[in-house]
C-alpha atoms as a PDB file:
ATOM      1  CA  MET A   1       5.063  15.786 -11.827  1.00  0.00           C
ATOM      2  CA  ARG A   2       2.775  17.295  -8.732  1.00  0.00           C
ATOM      3  CA  ASN A   3       4.040  16.968  -5.311  1.00  0.00           C
ATOM      4  CA  THR A   4       1.733  14.888  -3.819  1.00  0.00           C
ATOM      5  CA  LEU A   5       1.845  13.628  -0.183  1.00  0.00           C
ATOM      6  CA  ARG A   6       1.084  10.009   0.624  1.00  0.00           C
ATOM      7  CA  THR A   7       0.707   8.522   4.142  1.00  0.00           C
ATOM      8  CA  CYS A   8       2.287   4.919   5.029  1.00  0.00           C
ATOM      9  CA  ILE A   9      -0.455   2.614   6.404  1.00  0.00           C
ATOM     10  CA  ASN A  10       2.019   1.216   8.692  1.00  0.00           C
ATOM     11  CA  CYS A  11       4.230   4.267  10.474  1.00  0.00           C
ATOM     12  CA  ALA A  12       2.134   7.177   9.662  1.00  0.00           C
ATOM     13  CA  VAL A  13       5.054   8.787   7.838  1.00  0.00           C
ATOM     14  CA  VAL A  14       3.999  11.486   5.294  1.00  0.00           C
ATOM     15  CA  ASP A  15       6.397  11.685   2.151  1.00  0.00           C
ATOM     16  CA  LEU A  16       6.142  12.172  -1.439  1.00  0.00           C
ATOM     17  CA  GLN A  17       4.131   9.808  -3.390  1.00  0.00           C
ATOM     18  CA  GLU A  18       7.041   9.049  -5.823  1.00  0.00           C
ATOM     19  CA  ARG A  19       9.513   7.932  -3.015  1.00  0.00           C
ATOM     20  CA  MET A  20       6.430   5.533  -1.323  1.00  0.00           C
ATOM     21  CA  ILE A  21       5.567   2.263  -2.284  1.00  0.00           C
ATOM     22  CA  ARG A  22       1.927   1.904  -3.874  1.00  0.00           C
ATOM     23  CA  LEU A  23       0.101  -1.322  -3.073  1.00  0.00           C
ATOM     24  CA  VAL A  24      -3.146  -2.212  -5.138  1.00  0.00           C
ATOM     25  CA  HIS A  25      -5.231  -5.263  -4.865  1.00  0.00           C
ATOM     26  CA  ASP A  26      -6.961  -7.297  -7.993  1.00  0.00           C
ATOM     27  CA  ASN A  27     -10.413  -8.614  -8.184  1.00  0.00           C
ATOM     28  CA  ASP A  28      -9.028 -12.056  -6.230  1.00  0.00           C
ATOM     29  CA  GLY A  29      -7.497 -10.163  -3.517  1.00  0.00           C
ATOM     30  CA  THR A  30      -3.939 -10.659  -4.682  1.00  0.00           C
ATOM     31  CA  ILE A  31      -2.039  -7.309  -3.288  1.00  0.00           C
ATOM     32  CA  LEU A  32       0.269  -6.078  -5.986  1.00  0.00           C
ATOM     33  CA  VAL A  33       3.368  -3.250  -6.262  1.00  0.00           C
ATOM     34  CA  ASP A  34       2.377  -0.899  -8.510  1.00  0.00           C
ATOM     35  CA  ALA A  35       5.469   0.195  -9.300  1.00  0.00           C
ATOM     36  CA  PRO A  36       4.475   2.398 -12.215  1.00  0.00           C
ATOM     37  CA  ARG A  37       1.363   3.528 -10.875  1.00  0.00           C
ATOM     38  CA  GLN A  38      -0.869   2.686 -13.724  1.00  0.00           C
ATOM     39  CA  VAL A  39      -2.966  -0.042 -12.091  1.00  0.00           C
ATOM     40  CA  GLY A  40      -6.327   1.522 -11.144  1.00  0.00           C
ATOM     41  CA  GLY A  41      -8.172   1.353  -8.292  1.00  0.00           C
ATOM     42  CA  ARG A  42      -7.767   1.767  -4.074  1.00  0.00           C
ATOM     43  CA  GLY A  43      -4.237   1.859  -3.561  1.00  0.00           C
ATOM     44  CA  ALA A  44      -2.480   1.619  -0.202  1.00  0.00           C
ATOM     45  CA  TYR A  45       1.393   3.218   0.465  1.00  0.00           C
ATOM     46  CA  VAL A  46       4.449   2.285   2.898  1.00  0.00           C
ATOM     47  CA  CYS A  47       7.579   3.983   2.978  1.00  0.00           C
ATOM     48  CA  ASN A  48       9.696   1.148   2.813  1.00  0.00           C
ATOM     49  CA  GLN A  49      10.296  -2.525   2.706  1.00  0.00           C
ATOM     50  CA  LYS A  50      10.262  -3.195   6.633  1.00  0.00           C
ATOM     51  CA  CYS A  51       6.997  -1.488   6.741  1.00  0.00           C
ATOM     52  CA  LEU A  52       5.507  -3.668   4.341  1.00  0.00           C
ATOM     53  CA  ASN A  53       6.481  -6.421   6.201  1.00  0.00           C
ATOM     54  CA  GLN A  54       4.919  -5.060   9.431  1.00  0.00           C
ATOM     55  CA  ALA A  55       1.553  -3.813   7.667  1.00  0.00           C
ATOM     56  CA  LEU A  56       1.492  -7.490   6.233  1.00  0.00           C
ATOM     57  CA  GLN A  57       1.882  -9.039   9.961  1.00  0.00           C
ATOM     58  CA  LYS A  58      -0.794  -6.646  11.508  1.00  0.00           C
ATOM     59  CA  LYS A  59      -3.219  -6.916   8.697  1.00  0.00           C
ATOM     60  CA  LYS A  60      -3.215  -3.292   7.861  1.00  0.00           C
ATOM     61  CA  ILE A  61      -3.267  -3.874   4.307  1.00  0.00           C
ATOM     62  CA  SER A  62      -6.429  -5.339   4.235  1.00  0.00           C
ATOM     63  CA  LYS A  63      -7.934  -2.616   6.299  1.00  0.00           C
ATOM     64  CA  ALA A  64      -6.565   0.093   4.436  1.00  0.00           C
ATOM     65  CA  HIS A  65      -8.014  -1.549   1.072  1.00  0.00           C
ATOM     66  CA  ARG A  66     -11.341  -2.166   2.709  1.00  0.00           C
ATOM     67  CA  THR A  67     -11.742  -5.900   2.262  1.00  0.00           C
ATOM     68  CA  LYS A  68     -12.389  -8.648   4.721  1.00  0.00           C
ATOM     69  CA  LYS A  69      -9.910 -11.090   3.059  1.00  0.00           C
ATOM     70  CA  GLN A  70      -6.660 -11.703   4.813  1.00  0.00           C
ATOM     71  CA  ILE A  71      -3.495 -11.129   3.078  1.00  0.00           C
ATOM     72  CA  THR A  72      -0.283 -13.408   3.501  1.00  0.00           C
ATOM     73  CA  LYS A  73       2.737 -13.429   2.291  1.00  0.00           C
END
């Protein structure tokens, strides 16, 4: 695997892709954790569970996925 870097959408920490949590959304707007990294489409990355929760509260996931749909827990 390549040493691809990704940036957390919440805290802007840059880390290796395999250490980050990848989030994708399906056609109905549901956010999915793409653990095997096999789902196609636009992805957003967070570095840990705390950043995931904060990104949900601040609606950063919708912005990263370029959608106006609001994501809730």
